[in-house]
Amino acid sequence: MGKGKEILDQSKISEEGDYFLTSDVLLCVGDAVGALITMEDGSYLMQLRDQKEDIFYPGHWGLFGGAVDEGEDPLNALYRELNEELNLEAHSARLFTRLDIDLKPVGLSKIYRIFYEMTLTRADLSSLVLREGTMMKTFDRKEALSLDRVVPYDAFALWLHIERNRLRHKVG
């Protein structure tokens, strides 16, 4: 698998085939989890989401993860999603951050996105089987933050993860 140099040519997606711009399928909002998967060299493993009209942010780069089923523990949801999407038996994810999103002003409920971090080796990477998404790639920090189409909350979590040592509490 190459580094992030072989990025999908967005000009090859016609507007009719870009469901992000054209779909009118109703989407159900809910709680979700995502994995900030770093490689030993510090690069990030990301997924190019399928171009399907019934998912959020089709054709965008994002983190692996997905919906938390009702009554399901979020960490168990992450492990289930990683197994479903990558055939990965993960057991070492650590909580990184949680984003709470209040959708009440638009007539919906509050939802959350919980992001976990984990590291994979190159050997781990070579054993992965992509079961969801168009492709997976590793990107160095600069490449990951420069991608054109990234799921917005994943982009923010990725930026936080990369730049966390720069953040401070406001004084005074």
N, C-alpha and C. Protein backbone atom coordinates (compact mmCIF):
# COMPACT_ATOMS: atom_id res chain seq x y z
N MET A 1 0.85 -1.16 0.00
CA MET A 1 0.00 0.00 0.00
C MET A 1 0.89 1.22 0.00
N GLY A 2 0.64 2.14 -0.90
CA GLY A 2 1.45 3.34 -0.98
C GLY A 2 1.06 4.36 0.07
N LYS A 3 1.93 5.34 0.22
CA LYS A 3 1.58 6.46 1.09
C LYS A 3 0.53 7.28 0.35
N GLY A 4 0.20 8.44 0.82
CA GLY A 4 -0.93 9.19 0.30
C GLY A 4 -0.74 9.84 -1.05
N LYS A 5 0.15 9.39 -1.88
CA LYS A 5 0.40 10.03 -3.16
C LYS A 5 -0.63 9.65 -4.23
N GLU A 6 -1.30 8.52 -4.07
CA GLU A 6 -2.22 8.04 -5.10
C GLU A 6 -3.65 8.42 -4.76
N ILE A 7 -3.86 9.65 -4.38
CA ILE A 7 -5.18 10.12 -3.94
C ILE A 7 -6.15 10.07 -5.11
N LEU A 8 -7.38 9.70 -4.82
CA LEU A 8 -8.43 9.63 -5.82
C LEU A 8 -8.55 10.94 -6.57
N ASP A 9 -8.60 10.87 -7.88
CA ASP A 9 -8.77 12.06 -8.72
C ASP A 9 -10.24 12.46 -8.67
N GLN A 10 -10.53 13.54 -7.93
CA GLN A 10 -11.92 13.98 -7.75
C GLN A 10 -12.55 14.40 -9.06
N SER A 11 -11.77 14.78 -10.07
CA SER A 11 -12.34 15.19 -11.34
C SER A 11 -13.00 14.02 -12.05
N LYS A 12 -12.69 12.78 -11.63
CA LYS A 12 -13.30 11.61 -12.25
C LYS A 12 -14.68 11.31 -11.71
N ILE A 13 -15.09 12.01 -10.66
CA ILE A 13 -16.42 11.81 -10.10
C ILE A 13 -17.34 12.85 -10.72
N SER A 14 -18.29 12.41 -11.51
CA SER A 14 -19.24 13.37 -12.08
C SER A 14 -20.19 13.82 -10.98
N GLU A 15 -20.80 14.98 -11.17
CA GLU A 15 -21.72 15.47 -10.15
C GLU A 15 -22.87 14.48 -9.94
N GLU A 16 -23.31 13.82 -11.02
CA GLU A 16 -24.40 12.85 -10.90
C GLU A 16 -23.98 11.66 -10.05
N GLY A 17 -22.69 11.30 -10.05
CA GLY A 17 -22.21 10.16 -9.29
C GLY A 17 -21.67 10.53 -7.92
N ASP A 18 -21.72 11.80 -7.58
CA ASP A 18 -21.22 12.24 -6.28
C ASP A 18 -22.40 12.39 -5.33
N TYR A 19 -22.68 11.32 -4.59
CA TYR A 19 -23.86 11.32 -3.73
C TYR A 19 -23.79 12.35 -2.61
N PHE A 20 -22.61 12.82 -2.28
CA PHE A 20 -22.51 13.88 -1.27
C PHE A 20 -23.26 15.11 -1.75
N LEU A 21 -23.23 15.37 -3.04
CA LEU A 21 -23.87 16.55 -3.60
C LEU A 21 -25.29 16.31 -4.10
N THR A 22 -25.63 15.08 -4.40
CA THR A 22 -26.90 14.83 -5.10
C THR A 22 -27.92 13.98 -4.35
N SER A 23 -27.53 13.25 -3.34
CA SER A 23 -28.47 12.33 -2.69
C SER A 23 -29.52 13.07 -1.88
N ASP A 24 -30.73 12.55 -1.93
CA ASP A 24 -31.79 13.07 -1.07
C ASP A 24 -32.32 11.97 -0.14
N VAL A 25 -31.55 10.90 0.01
CA VAL A 25 -31.91 9.80 0.90
C VAL A 25 -31.83 10.29 2.35
N LEU A 26 -32.85 9.96 3.14
CA LEU A 26 -32.84 10.35 4.55
C LEU A 26 -31.77 9.56 5.30
N LEU A 27 -31.04 10.26 6.16
CA LEU A 27 -29.97 9.65 6.95
C LEU A 27 -30.35 9.71 8.42
N CYS A 28 -30.07 8.66 9.15
CA CYS A 28 -30.36 8.61 10.59
C CYS A 28 -29.12 9.03 11.36
N VAL A 29 -29.28 10.03 12.23
CA VAL A 29 -28.15 10.47 13.05
C VAL A 29 -28.08 9.62 14.31
N GLY A 30 -26.89 9.44 14.83
CA GLY A 30 -26.72 8.67 16.05
C GLY A 30 -25.29 8.76 16.54
N ASP A 31 -25.06 8.15 17.66
CA ASP A 31 -23.73 8.15 18.27
C ASP A 31 -22.78 7.29 17.43
N ALA A 32 -21.50 7.67 17.44
CA ALA A 32 -20.52 6.94 16.65
C ALA A 32 -19.15 7.01 17.29
N VAL A 33 -18.28 6.13 16.83
CA VAL A 33 -16.89 6.05 17.30
C VAL A 33 -15.96 6.07 16.09
N GLY A 34 -14.74 6.52 16.33
CA GLY A 34 -13.74 6.54 15.27
C GLY A 34 -12.38 6.17 15.84
N ALA A 35 -11.53 5.62 14.98
CA ALA A 35 -10.20 5.18 15.39
C ALA A 35 -9.13 6.05 14.72
N LEU A 36 -8.34 6.71 15.53
CA LEU A 36 -7.15 7.41 15.06
C LEU A 36 -6.04 6.36 15.05
N ILE A 37 -5.84 5.74 13.90
CA ILE A 37 -4.89 4.64 13.78
C ILE A 37 -3.58 5.20 13.25
N THR A 38 -2.57 5.13 14.11
CA THR A 38 -1.24 5.58 13.68
C THR A 38 -0.35 4.38 13.45
N MET A 39 0.56 4.57 12.51
CA MET A 39 1.55 3.55 12.23
C MET A 39 2.79 3.89 13.06
N GLU A 40 3.72 2.97 13.13
CA GLU A 40 4.94 3.18 13.92
C GLU A 40 5.73 4.39 13.45
N ASP A 41 5.59 4.78 12.18
CA ASP A 41 6.32 5.93 11.65
C ASP A 41 5.55 7.25 11.86
N GLY A 42 4.40 7.18 12.54
CA GLY A 42 3.61 8.38 12.82
C GLY A 42 2.57 8.70 11.77
N SER A 43 2.51 7.94 10.69
CA SER A 43 1.50 8.19 9.67
C SER A 43 0.14 7.68 10.16
N TYR A 44 -0.91 8.12 9.48
CA TYR A 44 -2.29 7.79 9.86
C TYR A 44 -2.94 6.92 8.79
N LEU A 45 -3.63 5.89 9.23
CA LEU A 45 -4.38 5.03 8.31
C LEU A 45 -5.79 5.59 8.19
N MET A 46 -6.21 5.84 6.95
CA MET A 46 -7.54 6.40 6.71
C MET A 46 -8.26 5.60 5.63
N GLN A 47 -9.55 5.82 5.55
CA GLN A 47 -10.42 5.11 4.63
C GLN A 47 -11.06 6.12 3.68
N LEU A 48 -11.09 5.79 2.39
CA LEU A 48 -11.90 6.55 1.45
C LEU A 48 -13.28 5.92 1.46
N ARG A 49 -14.25 6.68 1.93
CA ARG A 49 -15.59 6.15 2.09
C ARG A 49 -16.22 5.83 0.74
N ASP A 50 -17.07 4.80 0.76
CA ASP A 50 -17.77 4.41 -0.47
C ASP A 50 -18.58 5.57 -1.02
N GLN A 51 -18.82 5.53 -2.32
CA GLN A 51 -19.68 6.51 -2.98
C GLN A 51 -21.09 5.91 -2.98
N LYS A 52 -21.72 5.93 -1.78
CA LYS A 52 -23.06 5.37 -1.60
C LYS A 52 -23.97 6.49 -1.10
N GLU A 53 -25.20 6.50 -1.60
CA GLU A 53 -26.10 7.59 -1.25
C GLU A 53 -26.71 7.49 0.14
N ASP A 54 -26.57 6.35 0.80
CA ASP A 54 -27.22 6.17 2.10
C ASP A 54 -26.25 6.24 3.28
N ILE A 55 -25.09 6.88 3.07
CA ILE A 55 -24.13 7.06 4.16
C ILE A 55 -23.75 8.53 4.28
N PHE A 56 -23.27 8.92 5.45
CA PHE A 56 -22.76 10.27 5.64
C PHE A 56 -21.42 10.41 4.92
N TYR A 57 -21.23 11.51 4.27
CA TYR A 57 -19.96 11.89 3.62
C TYR A 57 -19.42 10.82 2.66
N PRO A 58 -20.23 10.42 1.69
CA PRO A 58 -19.71 9.48 0.69
C PRO A 58 -18.59 10.14 -0.11
N GLY A 59 -17.60 9.33 -0.49
CA GLY A 59 -16.50 9.83 -1.29
C GLY A 59 -15.54 10.73 -0.52
N HIS A 60 -15.58 10.70 0.79
CA HIS A 60 -14.68 11.49 1.63
C HIS A 60 -13.70 10.57 2.35
N TRP A 61 -12.54 11.09 2.65
CA TRP A 61 -11.60 10.38 3.50
C TRP A 61 -12.08 10.48 4.94
N GLY A 62 -11.90 9.43 5.70
CA GLY A 62 -12.31 9.45 7.09
C GLY A 62 -11.56 8.41 7.90
N LEU A 63 -11.88 8.40 9.16
CA LEU A 63 -11.32 7.43 10.09
C LEU A 63 -12.17 6.17 10.04
N PHE A 64 -11.58 5.05 10.38
CA PHE A 64 -12.36 3.83 10.48
C PHE A 64 -13.19 3.90 11.75
N GLY A 65 -14.36 3.30 11.72
CA GLY A 65 -15.28 3.33 12.86
C GLY A 65 -16.70 3.34 12.35
N GLY A 66 -17.63 3.70 13.23
CA GLY A 66 -19.02 3.74 12.81
C GLY A 66 -19.97 3.87 13.96
N ALA A 67 -21.20 3.50 13.69
CA ALA A 67 -22.31 3.70 14.63
C ALA A 67 -22.17 2.84 15.88
N VAL A 68 -22.63 3.40 16.97
CA VAL A 68 -22.76 2.67 18.24
C VAL A 68 -24.20 2.20 18.31
N ASP A 69 -24.39 0.89 18.39
CA ASP A 69 -25.75 0.34 18.49
C ASP A 69 -26.35 0.67 19.85
N GLU A 70 -27.67 0.73 19.91
CA GLU A 70 -28.34 1.04 21.17
C GLU A 70 -27.94 0.03 22.25
N GLY A 71 -27.50 0.56 23.40
CA GLY A 71 -27.09 -0.28 24.52
C GLY A 71 -25.66 -0.80 24.42
N GLU A 72 -24.99 -0.53 23.33
CA GLU A 72 -23.63 -1.04 23.12
C GLU A 72 -22.60 -0.11 23.77
N ASP A 73 -21.59 -0.68 24.38
CA ASP A 73 -20.48 0.09 24.92
C ASP A 73 -19.69 0.69 23.76
N PRO A 74 -19.34 1.98 23.82
CA PRO A 74 -18.63 2.60 22.69
C PRO A 74 -17.32 1.92 22.31
N LEU A 75 -16.53 1.49 23.28
CA LEU A 75 -15.27 0.82 22.95
C LEU A 75 -15.54 -0.51 22.25
N ASN A 76 -16.54 -1.24 22.72
CA ASN A 76 -16.90 -2.49 22.04
C ASN A 76 -17.41 -2.22 20.63
N ALA A 77 -18.11 -1.09 20.45
CA ALA A 77 -18.58 -0.71 19.12
C ALA A 77 -17.38 -0.46 18.20
N LEU A 78 -16.36 0.19 18.73
CA LEU A 78 -15.16 0.43 17.93
C LEU A 78 -14.52 -0.89 17.51
N TYR A 79 -14.36 -1.79 18.45
CA TYR A 79 -13.75 -3.08 18.13
C TYR A 79 -14.60 -3.85 17.10
N ARG A 80 -15.91 -3.78 17.24
CA ARG A 80 -16.80 -4.44 16.27
C ARG A 80 -16.63 -3.82 14.88
N GLU A 81 -16.63 -2.48 14.83
CA GLU A 81 -16.49 -1.79 13.55
C GLU A 81 -15.14 -2.09 12.89
N LEU A 82 -14.07 -2.10 13.66
CA LEU A 82 -12.75 -2.39 13.08
C LEU A 82 -12.69 -3.81 12.54
N ASN A 83 -13.38 -4.73 13.21
CA ASN A 83 -13.44 -6.10 12.71
C ASN A 83 -14.25 -6.15 11.42
N GLU A 84 -15.41 -5.47 11.40
CA GLU A 84 -16.26 -5.46 10.21
C GLU A 84 -15.57 -4.79 9.03
N GLU A 85 -14.87 -3.70 9.26
CA GLU A 85 -14.30 -2.90 8.17
C GLU A 85 -12.92 -3.37 7.72
N LEU A 86 -12.14 -3.93 8.65
CA LEU A 86 -10.74 -4.26 8.34
C LEU A 86 -10.32 -5.68 8.69
N ASN A 87 -11.24 -6.47 9.23
CA ASN A 87 -10.88 -7.79 9.73
C ASN A 87 -9.79 -7.68 10.79
N LEU A 88 -9.89 -6.63 11.63
CA LEU A 88 -8.90 -6.36 12.65
C LEU A 88 -9.46 -6.73 14.02
N GLU A 89 -8.76 -7.59 14.72
CA GLU A 89 -9.11 -7.94 16.09
C GLU A 89 -8.35 -7.00 17.01
N ALA A 90 -8.94 -5.86 17.30
CA ALA A 90 -8.27 -4.84 18.12
C ALA A 90 -8.68 -4.98 19.58
N HIS A 91 -7.73 -4.71 20.48
CA HIS A 91 -8.01 -4.75 21.92
C HIS A 91 -7.19 -3.72 22.68
N SER A 92 -6.58 -2.78 21.95
CA SER A 92 -5.66 -1.87 22.63
C SER A 92 -5.95 -0.40 22.37
N ALA A 93 -7.17 -0.06 22.01
CA ALA A 93 -7.51 1.34 21.75
C ALA A 93 -7.61 2.11 23.07
N ARG A 94 -7.18 3.36 23.01
CA ARG A 94 -7.22 4.25 24.18
C ARG A 94 -8.09 5.47 23.85
N LEU A 95 -8.88 5.89 24.81
CA LEU A 95 -9.72 7.07 24.61
C LEU A 95 -8.85 8.27 24.27
N PHE A 96 -9.22 9.00 23.21
CA PHE A 96 -8.52 10.23 22.88
C PHE A 96 -9.39 11.46 23.18
N THR A 97 -10.58 11.52 22.61
CA THR A 97 -11.46 12.65 22.88
C THR A 97 -12.90 12.29 22.54
N ARG A 98 -13.79 13.12 23.02
CA ARG A 98 -15.21 12.95 22.75
C ARG A 98 -15.77 14.29 22.30
N LEU A 99 -16.51 14.27 21.21
CA LEU A 99 -17.19 15.46 20.73
C LEU A 99 -18.69 15.26 20.91
N ASP A 100 -19.32 16.16 21.64
CA ASP A 100 -20.77 16.13 21.81
C ASP A 100 -21.37 17.15 20.86
N ILE A 101 -22.37 16.73 20.11
CA ILE A 101 -22.99 17.57 19.10
C ILE A 101 -24.46 17.72 19.45
N ASP A 102 -24.89 18.94 19.69
CA ASP A 102 -26.27 19.22 20.07
C ASP A 102 -27.08 19.56 18.82
N LEU A 103 -27.91 18.63 18.40
CA LEU A 103 -28.74 18.83 17.21
C LEU A 103 -30.17 19.23 17.58
N LYS A 104 -30.42 19.52 18.86
CA LYS A 104 -31.76 19.91 19.29
C LYS A 104 -32.29 21.14 18.55
N PRO A 105 -31.45 22.14 18.26
CA PRO A 105 -31.98 23.30 17.53
C PRO A 105 -32.54 22.98 16.14
N VAL A 106 -32.14 21.85 15.57
CA VAL A 106 -32.68 21.45 14.26
C VAL A 106 -33.67 20.29 14.39
N GLY A 107 -34.18 20.08 15.62
CA GLY A 107 -35.23 19.10 15.85
C GLY A 107 -34.76 17.68 16.06
N LEU A 108 -33.48 17.48 16.29
CA LEU A 108 -32.95 16.14 16.54
C LEU A 108 -32.38 16.08 17.96
N SER A 109 -31.75 15.00 18.32
CA SER A 109 -31.21 14.85 19.67
C SER A 109 -29.72 15.17 19.71
N LYS A 110 -29.18 15.12 20.91
CA LYS A 110 -27.73 15.24 21.07
C LYS A 110 -27.10 13.90 20.67
N ILE A 111 -25.95 13.99 20.03
CA ILE A 111 -25.20 12.78 19.66
C ILE A 111 -23.74 13.00 20.05
N TYR A 112 -22.98 11.93 20.05
CA TYR A 112 -21.56 12.07 20.32
C TYR A 112 -20.73 11.33 19.29
N ARG A 113 -19.49 11.74 19.19
CA ARG A 113 -18.45 11.05 18.44
C ARG A 113 -17.30 10.84 19.42
N ILE A 114 -16.97 9.59 19.68
CA ILE A 114 -15.84 9.29 20.57
C ILE A 114 -14.70 8.77 19.70
N PHE A 115 -13.53 9.35 19.90
CA PHE A 115 -12.36 8.98 19.12
C PHE A 115 -11.36 8.28 20.03
N TYR A 116 -10.89 7.15 19.55
CA TYR A 116 -9.89 6.35 20.25
C TYR A 116 -8.62 6.35 19.42
N GLU A 117 -7.48 6.18 20.09
CA GLU A 117 -6.20 6.09 19.38
C GLU A 117 -5.61 4.71 19.55
N MET A 118 -4.90 4.27 18.53
CA MET A 118 -4.22 3.00 18.57
C MET A 118 -3.10 3.00 17.54
N THR A 119 -2.11 2.16 17.75
CA THR A 119 -0.96 2.07 16.85
C THR A 119 -0.91 0.68 16.24
N LEU A 120 -0.60 0.64 14.95
CA LEU A 120 -0.42 -0.62 14.25
C LEU A 120 1.01 -0.70 13.71
N THR A 121 1.50 -1.91 13.57
CA THR A 121 2.80 -2.14 12.95
C THR A 121 2.58 -2.35 11.45
N ARG A 122 3.64 -2.33 10.69
CA ARG A 122 3.54 -2.63 9.24
C ARG A 122 3.04 -4.06 9.03
N ALA A 123 3.43 -4.96 9.92
CA ALA A 123 2.94 -6.35 9.81
C ALA A 123 1.42 -6.38 10.02
N ASP A 124 0.93 -5.61 11.01
CA ASP A 124 -0.52 -5.52 11.23
C ASP A 124 -1.20 -5.00 9.97
N LEU A 125 -0.62 -3.95 9.39
CA LEU A 125 -1.20 -3.31 8.22
C LEU A 125 -1.32 -4.28 7.06
N SER A 126 -0.30 -5.08 6.85
CA SER A 126 -0.31 -6.01 5.72
C SER A 126 -1.35 -7.11 5.88
N SER A 127 -1.82 -7.34 7.09
CA SER A 127 -2.83 -8.39 7.30
C SER A 127 -4.27 -7.87 7.24
N LEU A 128 -4.44 -6.56 7.09
CA LEU A 128 -5.79 -5.99 7.05
C LEU A 128 -6.48 -6.33 5.74
N VAL A 129 -7.81 -6.51 5.84
CA VAL A 129 -8.64 -6.76 4.67
C VAL A 129 -9.70 -5.67 4.63
N LEU A 130 -9.64 -4.82 3.62
CA LEU A 130 -10.62 -3.73 3.50
C LEU A 130 -11.96 -4.31 3.09
N ARG A 131 -12.94 -4.19 3.99
CA ARG A 131 -14.28 -4.72 3.73
C ARG A 131 -15.30 -3.62 3.49
N GLU A 132 -14.98 -2.40 3.88
CA GLU A 132 -15.85 -1.25 3.64
C GLU A 132 -14.98 -0.11 3.16
N GLY A 133 -15.52 0.66 2.23
CA GLY A 133 -14.77 1.78 1.69
C GLY A 133 -14.16 1.43 0.35
N THR A 134 -13.71 2.46 -0.34
CA THR A 134 -13.11 2.30 -1.66
C THR A 134 -11.65 1.93 -1.57
N MET A 135 -10.96 2.51 -0.58
CA MET A 135 -9.54 2.20 -0.37
C MET A 135 -9.13 2.63 1.02
N MET A 136 -7.96 2.15 1.43
CA MET A 136 -7.33 2.61 2.66
C MET A 136 -5.91 3.03 2.30
N LYS A 137 -5.43 4.04 2.99
CA LYS A 137 -4.08 4.55 2.74
C LYS A 137 -3.51 5.11 4.02
N THR A 138 -2.19 5.13 4.08
CA THR A 138 -1.53 5.84 5.16
C THR A 138 -1.08 7.20 4.63
N PHE A 139 -1.20 8.19 5.49
CA PHE A 139 -0.81 9.56 5.16
C PHE A 139 0.07 10.10 6.27
N ASP A 140 1.14 10.80 5.89
CA ASP A 140 1.89 11.48 6.94
C ASP A 140 1.04 12.65 7.44
N ARG A 141 1.48 13.30 8.49
CA ARG A 141 0.68 14.34 9.14
C ARG A 141 0.27 15.44 8.17
N LYS A 142 1.23 15.94 7.41
CA LYS A 142 0.95 17.03 6.49
C LYS A 142 -0.04 16.60 5.41
N GLU A 143 0.16 15.41 4.86
CA GLU A 143 -0.76 14.89 3.84
C GLU A 143 -2.17 14.74 4.41
N ALA A 144 -2.27 14.18 5.60
CA ALA A 144 -3.59 13.96 6.21
C ALA A 144 -4.34 15.27 6.41
N LEU A 145 -3.63 16.29 6.83
CA LEU A 145 -4.28 17.58 7.08
C LEU A 145 -4.51 18.38 5.80
N SER A 146 -3.98 17.91 4.68
CA SER A 146 -4.12 18.63 3.41
C SER A 146 -5.11 17.98 2.45
N LEU A 147 -5.72 16.89 2.85
CA LEU A 147 -6.67 16.22 1.96
C LEU A 147 -7.86 17.13 1.69
N ASP A 148 -8.39 17.06 0.47
CA ASP A 148 -9.50 17.93 0.07
C ASP A 148 -10.84 17.58 0.70
N ARG A 149 -11.17 16.31 0.70
CA ARG A 149 -12.49 15.91 1.18
C ARG A 149 -12.32 14.95 2.35
N VAL A 150 -12.51 15.49 3.56
CA VAL A 150 -12.38 14.69 4.78
C VAL A 150 -13.65 14.90 5.60
N VAL A 151 -14.16 13.84 6.20
CA VAL A 151 -15.31 13.94 7.09
C VAL A 151 -14.98 15.02 8.13
N PRO A 152 -15.80 16.07 8.27
CA PRO A 152 -15.43 17.21 9.11
C PRO A 152 -15.07 16.88 10.56
N TYR A 153 -15.87 16.06 11.25
CA TYR A 153 -15.52 15.76 12.64
C TYR A 153 -14.29 14.88 12.74
N ASP A 154 -14.04 14.04 11.73
CA ASP A 154 -12.81 13.26 11.70
C ASP A 154 -11.61 14.18 11.47
N ALA A 155 -11.78 15.18 10.60
CA ALA A 155 -10.70 16.13 10.34
C ALA A 155 -10.32 16.87 11.62
N PHE A 156 -11.33 17.27 12.40
CA PHE A 156 -11.05 17.99 13.64
C PHE A 156 -10.33 17.09 14.64
N ALA A 157 -10.79 15.85 14.79
CA ALA A 157 -10.14 14.92 15.71
C ALA A 157 -8.71 14.63 15.26
N LEU A 158 -8.51 14.49 13.97
CA LEU A 158 -7.17 14.26 13.43
C LEU A 158 -6.27 15.46 13.73
N TRP A 159 -6.77 16.67 13.50
CA TRP A 159 -5.99 17.87 13.79
C TRP A 159 -5.66 17.94 15.28
N LEU A 160 -6.64 17.67 16.15
CA LEU A 160 -6.39 17.67 17.59
C LEU A 160 -5.29 16.67 17.96
N HIS A 161 -5.35 15.50 17.34
CA HIS A 161 -4.38 14.46 17.64
C HIS A 161 -2.98 14.88 17.23
N ILE A 162 -2.87 15.47 16.07
CA ILE A 162 -1.57 15.91 15.55
C ILE A 162 -1.03 17.11 16.32
N GLU A 163 -1.88 18.05 16.66
CA GLU A 163 -1.45 19.32 17.25
C GLU A 163 -1.70 19.42 18.76
N ARG A 164 -1.99 18.32 19.42
CA ARG A 164 -2.37 18.37 20.83
C ARG A 164 -1.32 19.01 21.73
N ASN A 165 -0.06 18.92 21.36
CA ASN A 165 0.99 19.52 22.20
C ASN A 165 1.03 21.03 22.09
N ARG A 166 0.33 21.60 21.16
CA ARG A 166 0.26 23.05 21.01
C ARG A 166 -0.88 23.67 21.81
N LEU A 167 -1.79 22.87 22.28
CA LEU A 167 -3.00 23.39 22.93
C LEU A 167 -2.78 23.68 24.40
N ARG A 168 -3.31 24.78 24.85
CA ARG A 168 -3.21 25.21 26.25
C ARG A 168 -4.55 25.75 26.70
N HIS A 169 -4.81 25.74 28.00
CA HIS A 169 -5.99 26.40 28.55
C HIS A 169 -5.79 27.90 28.46
N LYS A 170 -6.86 28.59 28.19
CA LYS A 170 -6.81 30.05 28.17
C LYS A 170 -6.60 30.55 29.59
N VAL A 171 -5.68 31.46 29.77
CA VAL A 171 -5.37 32.01 31.08
C VAL A 171 -6.06 33.35 31.22
N GLY A 172 -6.71 33.51 32.38
CA GLY A 172 -7.22 34.77 32.81
C GLY A 172 -8.40 35.36 32.28
